[in-house]
Amino acid sequence: MLETSPVATQRWELYKLLSEPVRLRLLALAAEEELAIGELAELLGESQPNVSRHAAPLRQGGLIVVRKQGQRALVKVSDEAMRDPVVVDAVASGRTLCEADGSLARVADVIRARDAVARDFFERAPARDVTEAGVPAEMGAYLCALAPLLGRTNLALDAGTGSGGLLEVLAPFYDRVVAVDRSEAQLALARARSLARGWTNVDLVHGDIDGDAVKRALHGARADAVFAVRLLHHAPRPADFMSKLAAHVRPGGALVVLDYGRHDDESMRSQADLWLGFEPRELRELATGAGFEDARVAPIPGALCGRGPDAHLPWQAMVARMGDADSKDTKKQATDAAPVRRSKRGQDHG
C-alpha cells in the first residue's frame, strides 16, 4: 500500500481508484511522458474538465504528481507509486488499452507539436544583420554559464580598467573584482558602467597597481587572476610592471596580458604608446622573469578587435601561471648554482 497516500489508506480504496478504464489510460500515458492536462485530454478524447476530475483523486491518492507551470498543469506518475505492484499492474493494463486505441503512439506526436511551436516562432524572426549588431546584450548570461569551467573565481584584479570595458567580462565570472586605474576621469566612466549594470561585486580603486589603495582593497588576498589589457605598451619599464602584477597573483593563479604584437605604426605614439608592441618571445621572457610559468601566447583574430584606432594592429594574448613556492626555490637554487659551474669550466679551460 502507498504509505504516503492520504486517501488510499486501505487496499480497497486503491482498487477503487483504479476501477475506471479512463484512469488506467491516464496513468499509462502519464507514465510514458509528463503531459499537460490539455495534452492528456487530446490523447484520451476527453474534455479538460473531465480529465481534471479524474486526475484529482489520483493525485490525492499519491499515484500522480501535478506540477504547475504558469497556467499549465503537468502530470506524471509518481516514482513512489511505481513501487507498488498493484499500481504497476494498473499502468500495464492501461498501457494495453492505450496501445489498442492508438493514444500511446500519439504521445510522440504531442511532443513534436510542442517543438513545432518553437520552430514556428523562430522562423518568423525578422531578418537582421548580425555582423553589425556588436556584442549581444545577453553576453553576461553566456559568461555566467561558462564560469564553472574556470576553476577558482573568487577574486580578479583588473589592472588599468580604464572605462571598465573588461568588467563586462569579469563581473559575471568572479565573486569579486578589484578594478584599478590611475585616472579618476576613466574611473568615473567605469563607475557609471558599473552602476548601470548593477554590479555589486566590483570595487573601483584610484591609484597605482603597487599602491596602498590597491593593497587595502585586496584585504591582503592575492587574486585568482590578474588582467592587464592593452597596458604593457604604456609601461616605462615593462619588466618592473610585470613584477608588480606578479605580486598580486596567488600561487597557481593566472596572469592574462592582452597587448599588441610587434608593429611599426609610429602614429600610435600619439596614444601614449611607449612601445610598438611585443614579440611573443618578449612576453614569455617578461613573464618568466616575474616568476610565472607555462606562459603561452596566441594571436587574437582581427575581427574580434573592435573598431578603435588600434583595431588595425596585431593583437595577442598571453596566459601564464604563477609558480608555487617550492618551484620558485628550486629555480632560484639552479640559478644561483649556474655561475659557479660556469666559473669552474672557465678555470678548467684556463
Protein backbone atom coordinates (compact mmCIF):
# COMPACT_ATOMS: atom_id res chain seq x y z
CA MET A 1 0.00 0.00 0.00
CA LEU A 2 1.13 3.59 -0.62
CA GLU A 3 2.24 4.73 2.82
CA THR A 4 2.16 8.45 1.91
CA SER A 5 -1.29 8.33 0.32
CA PRO A 6 -3.80 10.47 2.22
CA VAL A 7 -6.78 8.64 0.65
CA ALA A 8 -5.82 5.06 -0.19
CA THR A 9 -5.22 4.04 3.41
CA GLN A 10 -6.97 0.71 2.71
CA ARG A 11 -6.30 -1.57 -0.23
CA TRP A 12 -9.90 -1.44 -1.32
CA GLU A 13 -9.57 2.37 -1.69
CA LEU A 14 -6.61 1.87 -4.02
CA TYR A 15 -8.60 -0.66 -6.05
CA LYS A 16 -11.50 1.80 -6.20
CA LEU A 17 -9.17 4.49 -7.60
CA LEU A 18 -8.10 2.09 -10.33
CA SER A 19 -11.57 0.80 -11.19
CA GLU A 20 -12.23 3.14 -14.12
CA PRO A 21 -10.59 2.44 -17.51
CA VAL A 22 -10.10 6.14 -18.25
CA ARG A 23 -7.92 6.43 -15.12
CA LEU A 24 -5.88 3.40 -16.18
CA ARG A 25 -5.30 5.01 -19.56
CA LEU A 26 -4.44 8.33 -17.89
CA LEU A 27 -1.87 6.60 -15.68
CA ALA A 28 -0.32 4.78 -18.63
CA LEU A 29 0.07 7.98 -20.64
CA ALA A 30 1.44 9.90 -17.63
CA ALA A 31 3.93 7.07 -17.04
CA GLU A 32 5.11 7.37 -20.65
CA GLU A 33 5.66 11.17 -20.55
CA GLU A 34 4.94 14.16 -18.34
CA LEU A 35 1.90 15.63 -20.09
CA ALA A 36 -0.28 18.70 -19.64
CA ILE A 37 -3.95 18.31 -18.81
CA GLY A 38 -4.79 19.65 -22.27
CA GLU A 39 -2.48 17.14 -23.93
CA LEU A 40 -3.99 14.29 -21.91
CA ALA A 41 -7.47 15.47 -22.92
CA GLU A 42 -6.44 15.35 -26.58
CA LEU A 43 -4.97 11.85 -26.25
CA LEU A 44 -7.84 10.44 -24.16
CA GLY A 45 -10.56 12.04 -26.26
CA GLU A 46 -12.00 13.67 -23.15
CA SER A 47 -12.72 17.26 -22.16
CA GLN A 48 -10.15 19.02 -19.99
CA PRO A 49 -12.59 19.34 -17.05
CA ASN A 50 -13.24 15.61 -17.21
CA VAL A 51 -9.53 14.82 -17.25
CA SER A 52 -9.02 17.13 -14.27
CA ARG A 53 -11.89 15.38 -12.47
CA HIS A 54 -10.18 12.01 -12.90
CA ALA A 55 -6.71 13.36 -12.10
CA ALA A 56 -7.77 14.88 -8.77
CA PRO A 57 -8.34 11.61 -6.83
CA LEU A 58 -5.27 10.03 -8.40
CA ARG A 59 -3.25 12.96 -7.11
CA GLN A 60 -4.84 12.76 -3.67
CA GLY A 61 -4.03 9.06 -3.59
CA GLY A 62 -0.38 9.75 -4.35
CA LEU A 63 -0.47 8.00 -7.74
CA ILE A 64 0.36 11.05 -9.83
CA VAL A 65 2.29 14.27 -9.32
CA VAL A 66 0.92 17.51 -10.78
CA ARG A 67 3.44 20.26 -11.47
CA LYS A 68 2.27 23.79 -12.22
CA GLN A 69 3.96 25.85 -14.91
CA GLY A 70 2.17 29.13 -15.20
CA GLN A 71 -1.39 28.27 -16.19
CA ARG A 72 -0.45 24.76 -17.30
CA ALA A 73 -0.70 21.67 -15.08
CA LEU A 74 1.75 18.89 -15.99
CA VAL A 75 1.00 15.34 -14.87
CA LYS A 76 3.28 12.33 -14.36
CA VAL A 77 3.08 9.09 -12.41
CA SER A 78 4.90 9.40 -9.09
CA ASP A 79 8.05 7.37 -8.54
CA GLU A 80 6.75 6.12 -5.21
CA ALA A 81 3.53 4.86 -6.80
CA MET A 82 5.50 2.77 -9.25
CA ARG A 83 7.00 0.85 -6.34
CA ASP A 84 3.56 -0.58 -5.55
CA PRO A 85 2.91 -3.80 -7.54
CA VAL A 86 -0.81 -3.04 -7.79
CA VAL A 87 -0.09 0.32 -9.45
CA VAL A 88 2.50 -1.26 -11.74
CA ASP A 89 -0.13 -3.79 -12.84
CA ALA A 90 -2.67 -0.99 -13.33
CA VAL A 91 -0.25 1.00 -15.52
CA ALA A 92 0.43 -2.11 -17.59
CA SER A 93 -3.31 -2.65 -18.06
CA GLY A 94 -3.76 1.00 -19.04
CA ARG A 95 -0.89 0.70 -21.47
CA THR A 96 -2.63 -2.22 -23.21
CA LEU A 97 -5.76 -0.09 -23.56
CA CYS A 98 -3.75 2.86 -24.94
CA GLU A 99 -1.97 0.64 -27.43
CA ALA A 100 -5.30 -0.65 -28.61
CA ASP A 101 -6.85 2.80 -29.12
CA GLY A 102 -3.66 4.30 -30.57
CA SER A 103 -3.26 7.01 -27.92
CA LEU A 104 0.12 5.68 -26.73
CA ALA A 105 1.58 6.04 -30.23
CA ARG A 106 0.24 9.60 -30.44
CA VAL A 107 2.32 10.73 -27.43
CA ALA A 108 5.24 11.27 -29.81
CA ASP A 109 3.01 13.50 -31.95
CA VAL A 110 2.16 15.60 -28.89
CA ILE A 111 5.86 16.11 -28.15
CA ARG A 112 6.54 17.04 -31.78
CA ALA A 113 3.72 19.58 -31.60
CA ARG A 114 5.48 21.24 -28.67
CA ASP A 115 8.63 21.55 -30.76
CA ALA A 116 6.66 22.92 -33.70
CA VAL A 117 5.61 25.93 -31.62
CA ALA A 118 9.24 26.90 -31.05
CA ARG A 119 10.18 26.20 -34.68
CA ASP A 120 7.36 28.39 -35.99
CA PHE A 121 8.26 31.23 -33.62
CA PHE A 122 11.91 31.39 -34.70
CA GLU A 123 11.06 31.00 -38.37
CA ARG A 124 9.04 34.21 -38.05
CA ALA A 125 12.00 36.10 -36.56
CA PRO A 126 12.82 39.21 -38.62
CA ALA A 127 16.00 39.16 -40.68
CA ARG A 128 18.83 41.27 -39.30
CA ASP A 129 22.50 41.89 -39.96
CA VAL A 130 24.17 40.18 -37.03
CA THR A 131 27.61 41.32 -38.24
CA GLU A 132 26.61 44.89 -37.33
CA ALA A 133 24.95 44.02 -34.01
CA GLY A 134 28.07 44.14 -31.84
CA VAL A 135 28.29 42.28 -28.53
CA PRO A 136 24.96 40.61 -27.68
CA ALA A 137 23.10 42.15 -24.77
CA GLU A 138 22.91 38.74 -23.09
CA MET A 139 26.70 38.26 -23.12
CA GLY A 140 26.80 38.41 -19.33
CA ALA A 141 24.49 35.41 -19.09
CA TYR A 142 26.71 33.47 -21.53
CA LEU A 143 29.73 34.24 -19.39
CA CYS A 144 27.97 33.12 -16.21
CA ALA A 145 27.28 29.80 -17.89
CA LEU A 146 31.00 29.42 -18.64
CA ALA A 147 32.14 30.37 -15.14
CA PRO A 148 32.28 26.78 -13.77
CA LEU A 149 34.92 25.95 -16.41
CA LEU A 150 37.39 28.44 -14.91
CA GLY A 151 38.10 26.75 -11.60
CA ARG A 152 38.60 29.26 -8.79
CA THR A 153 36.77 32.51 -9.45
CA ASN A 154 36.89 34.19 -6.04
CA LEU A 155 38.89 37.30 -6.91
CA ALA A 156 40.08 39.04 -10.08
CA LEU A 157 42.23 42.14 -10.41
CA ASP A 158 41.77 44.39 -13.43
CA ALA A 159 44.97 46.41 -13.60
CA GLY A 160 44.21 49.55 -15.59
CA THR A 161 40.47 49.14 -16.02
CA GLY A 162 40.05 52.43 -17.92
CA SER A 163 36.36 52.92 -18.73
CA GLY A 164 35.61 49.42 -17.46
CA GLY A 165 35.21 47.54 -20.71
CA LEU A 166 36.83 44.40 -19.31
CA LEU A 167 34.41 44.45 -16.38
CA GLU A 168 31.70 43.36 -18.82
CA VAL A 169 33.56 40.04 -18.90
CA LEU A 170 34.94 39.79 -15.37
CA ALA A 171 31.93 40.86 -13.30
CA PRO A 172 29.71 37.94 -14.39
CA PHE A 173 32.55 35.44 -13.80
CA TYR A 174 34.14 36.40 -10.50
CA ASP A 175 32.75 36.68 -7.00
CA ARG A 176 34.74 39.90 -6.54
CA VAL A 177 36.62 42.17 -8.94
CA VAL A 178 39.05 44.91 -7.93
CA ALA A 179 39.39 47.34 -10.82
CA VAL A 180 42.31 49.78 -10.65
CA ASP A 181 43.17 52.88 -12.64
CA ARG A 182 45.36 55.93 -12.14
CA SER A 183 42.91 58.20 -13.95
CA GLU A 184 39.95 59.49 -11.98
CA ALA A 185 38.29 60.51 -15.25
CA GLN A 186 38.49 56.93 -16.53
CA LEU A 187 37.24 55.54 -13.23
CA ALA A 188 34.22 57.84 -13.44
CA LEU A 189 33.28 56.12 -16.69
CA ALA A 190 33.84 52.69 -15.15
CA ARG A 191 31.74 53.72 -12.16
CA ALA A 192 28.87 54.81 -14.41
CA ARG A 193 29.09 51.50 -16.27
CA SER A 194 29.11 49.52 -13.03
CA LEU A 195 26.08 51.37 -11.68
CA ALA A 196 24.17 50.89 -14.95
CA ARG A 197 24.85 47.15 -14.90
CA GLY A 198 24.02 46.75 -11.23
CA TRP A 199 27.33 45.11 -10.37
CA THR A 200 27.70 44.87 -6.61
CA ASN A 201 30.85 42.74 -6.76
CA VAL A 202 33.14 45.38 -8.34
CA ASP A 203 35.43 47.62 -6.28
CA LEU A 204 36.87 50.59 -8.18
CA VAL A 205 40.23 51.84 -6.90
CA HIS A 206 42.07 55.02 -7.80
CA GLY A 207 45.83 54.54 -7.65
CA ASP A 208 48.89 52.66 -8.90
CA ILE A 209 48.93 48.89 -9.12
CA ASP A 210 51.52 48.70 -6.33
CA GLY A 211 49.93 51.45 -4.22
CA ASP A 212 48.44 51.26 -0.76
CA ALA A 213 44.89 51.78 -2.06
CA VAL A 214 45.08 48.54 -4.04
CA LYS A 215 46.53 46.64 -1.10
CA ARG A 216 43.69 47.85 1.12
CA ALA A 217 41.10 46.86 -1.48
CA LEU A 218 42.54 43.36 -1.74
CA HIS A 219 42.42 42.88 2.06
CA GLY A 220 45.73 41.05 1.99
CA ALA A 221 44.50 38.48 -0.53
CA ARG A 222 46.06 37.55 -3.84
CA ALA A 223 43.95 37.26 -6.96
CA ASP A 224 43.00 34.09 -8.78
CA ALA A 225 43.69 36.05 -11.96
CA VAL A 226 45.23 39.41 -12.80
CA PHE A 227 44.35 41.05 -16.11
CA ALA A 228 46.44 43.65 -17.92
CA VAL A 229 44.64 44.62 -21.11
CA ARG A 230 46.42 46.93 -23.57
CA LEU A 231 48.51 48.22 -20.69
CA LEU A 232 52.01 46.85 -21.03
CA HIS A 233 52.90 49.03 -24.04
CA HIS A 234 52.31 52.08 -21.82
CA ALA A 235 54.69 50.90 -19.07
CA PRO A 236 58.02 52.80 -18.87
CA ARG A 237 59.71 49.60 -17.68
CA PRO A 238 57.71 46.53 -18.76
CA ALA A 239 59.76 44.11 -16.64
CA ASP A 240 59.13 46.13 -13.47
CA PHE A 241 55.45 46.41 -14.31
CA MET A 242 55.23 42.64 -14.82
CA SER A 243 56.76 42.10 -11.38
CA LYS A 244 54.20 44.44 -9.83
CA LEU A 245 51.43 42.41 -11.42
CA ALA A 246 53.01 39.19 -10.18
CA ALA A 247 52.90 40.42 -6.58
CA HIS A 248 49.10 40.21 -6.70
CA VAL A 249 48.74 36.70 -8.18
CA ARG A 250 48.28 33.75 -5.83
CA PRO A 251 50.39 30.61 -6.33
CA GLY A 252 48.78 28.69 -9.16
CA GLY A 253 46.83 31.78 -10.21
CA ALA A 254 46.84 33.25 -13.69
CA LEU A 255 48.17 36.35 -15.39
CA VAL A 256 46.38 37.42 -18.55
CA VAL A 257 48.08 40.02 -20.71
CA LEU A 258 46.39 41.29 -23.84
CA ASP A 259 48.60 43.58 -25.87
CA TYR A 260 49.86 44.31 -29.35
CA GLY A 261 52.23 42.23 -31.35
CA ARG A 262 55.32 43.96 -32.74
CA HIS A 263 54.35 46.63 -35.29
CA ASP A 264 55.82 49.76 -36.87
CA ASP A 265 52.93 52.23 -36.69
CA GLU A 266 54.64 55.28 -35.19
CA SER A 267 51.32 57.14 -35.12
CA MET A 268 50.35 55.07 -32.08
CA ARG A 269 52.81 57.09 -30.01
CA SER A 270 50.17 59.83 -30.06
CA GLN A 271 48.07 57.39 -27.98
CA ALA A 272 50.81 57.41 -25.30
CA ASP A 273 52.21 54.12 -26.59
CA LEU A 274 55.80 53.86 -25.35
CA TRP A 275 56.40 50.50 -27.05
CA LEU A 276 55.29 49.43 -30.52
CA GLY A 277 54.11 46.03 -29.37
CA PHE A 278 56.00 42.94 -28.29
CA GLU A 279 57.20 39.73 -29.85
CA PRO A 280 55.66 36.61 -28.29
CA ARG A 281 59.14 35.66 -27.10
CA GLU A 282 59.46 39.00 -25.29
CA LEU A 283 56.18 38.49 -23.47
CA ARG A 284 57.18 35.00 -22.38
CA GLU A 285 60.55 36.25 -21.13
CA LEU A 286 58.90 39.06 -19.16
CA ALA A 287 56.52 36.55 -17.56
CA THR A 288 59.28 34.10 -16.70
CA GLY A 289 61.38 36.86 -15.20
CA ALA A 290 58.48 37.77 -12.89
CA GLY A 291 58.09 34.20 -11.60
CA PHE A 292 55.40 32.92 -13.94
CA GLU A 293 55.42 29.52 -15.60
CA ASP A 294 53.99 27.94 -18.74
CA ALA A 295 53.47 31.28 -20.49
CA ARG A 296 51.52 30.84 -23.71
CA VAL A 297 50.91 33.50 -26.34
CA ALA A 298 48.22 33.32 -29.00
CA PRO A 299 47.12 35.83 -31.67
CA ILE A 300 43.68 37.46 -31.46
CA PRO A 301 41.67 37.44 -34.72
CA GLY A 302 41.35 40.92 -36.14
CA ALA A 303 37.56 40.58 -36.42
CA LEU A 304 37.40 40.50 -32.61
CA CYS A 305 39.46 43.64 -32.03
CA GLY A 306 36.70 46.21 -32.34
CA ARG A 307 36.76 49.41 -34.38
CA GLY A 308 39.02 51.66 -32.34
CA PRO A 309 42.17 53.41 -33.51
CA ASP A 310 44.19 50.30 -32.68
CA ALA A 311 41.93 47.80 -34.46
CA HIS A 312 44.40 47.52 -37.36
CA LEU A 313 47.24 46.39 -35.10
CA PRO A 314 48.10 42.76 -34.40
CA TRP A 315 46.64 41.77 -31.04
CA GLN A 316 47.81 38.87 -28.92
CA ALA A 317 47.03 37.35 -25.54
CA MET A 318 49.39 35.74 -23.08
CA VAL A 319 48.27 33.48 -20.25
CA ALA A 320 50.79 32.39 -17.61
CA ARG A 321 50.58 30.68 -14.23
CA MET A 322 52.27 31.76 -11.04
CA GLY A 323 54.56 29.05 -9.74
CA ASP A 324 54.28 27.83 -6.17
CA ALA A 325 56.92 28.50 -3.53
CA ASP A 326 58.65 25.12 -3.98
CA SER A 327 59.12 25.56 -7.70
CA LYS A 328 60.47 29.09 -7.15
CA ASP A 329 63.02 27.84 -4.61
CA THR A 330 64.15 25.11 -6.99
CA LYS A 331 64.63 27.59 -9.79
CA LYS A 332 66.48 30.02 -7.54
CA GLN A 333 68.87 27.28 -6.40
CA ALA A 334 69.52 26.31 -10.00
CA THR A 335 70.13 29.94 -10.97
CA ASP A 336 72.46 30.51 -8.02
CA ALA A 337 74.44 27.38 -8.84
CA ALA A 338 74.79 28.15 -12.54
CA PRO A 339 77.53 30.86 -12.24
CA VAL A 340 79.61 28.51 -10.06
CA ARG A 341 79.52 25.82 -12.74
CA ARG A 342 80.48 28.31 -15.42
CA SER A 343 83.35 29.56 -13.25
CA LYS A 344 84.69 26.04 -12.82
CA ARG A 345 84.54 25.42 -16.55
CA GLY A 346 86.41 28.67 -17.09
CA GLN A 347 89.16 27.57 -14.68
CA ASP A 348 89.41 24.20 -16.38
CA HIS A 349 89.95 25.85 -19.75
CA GLY A 350 92.39 28.33 -18.22
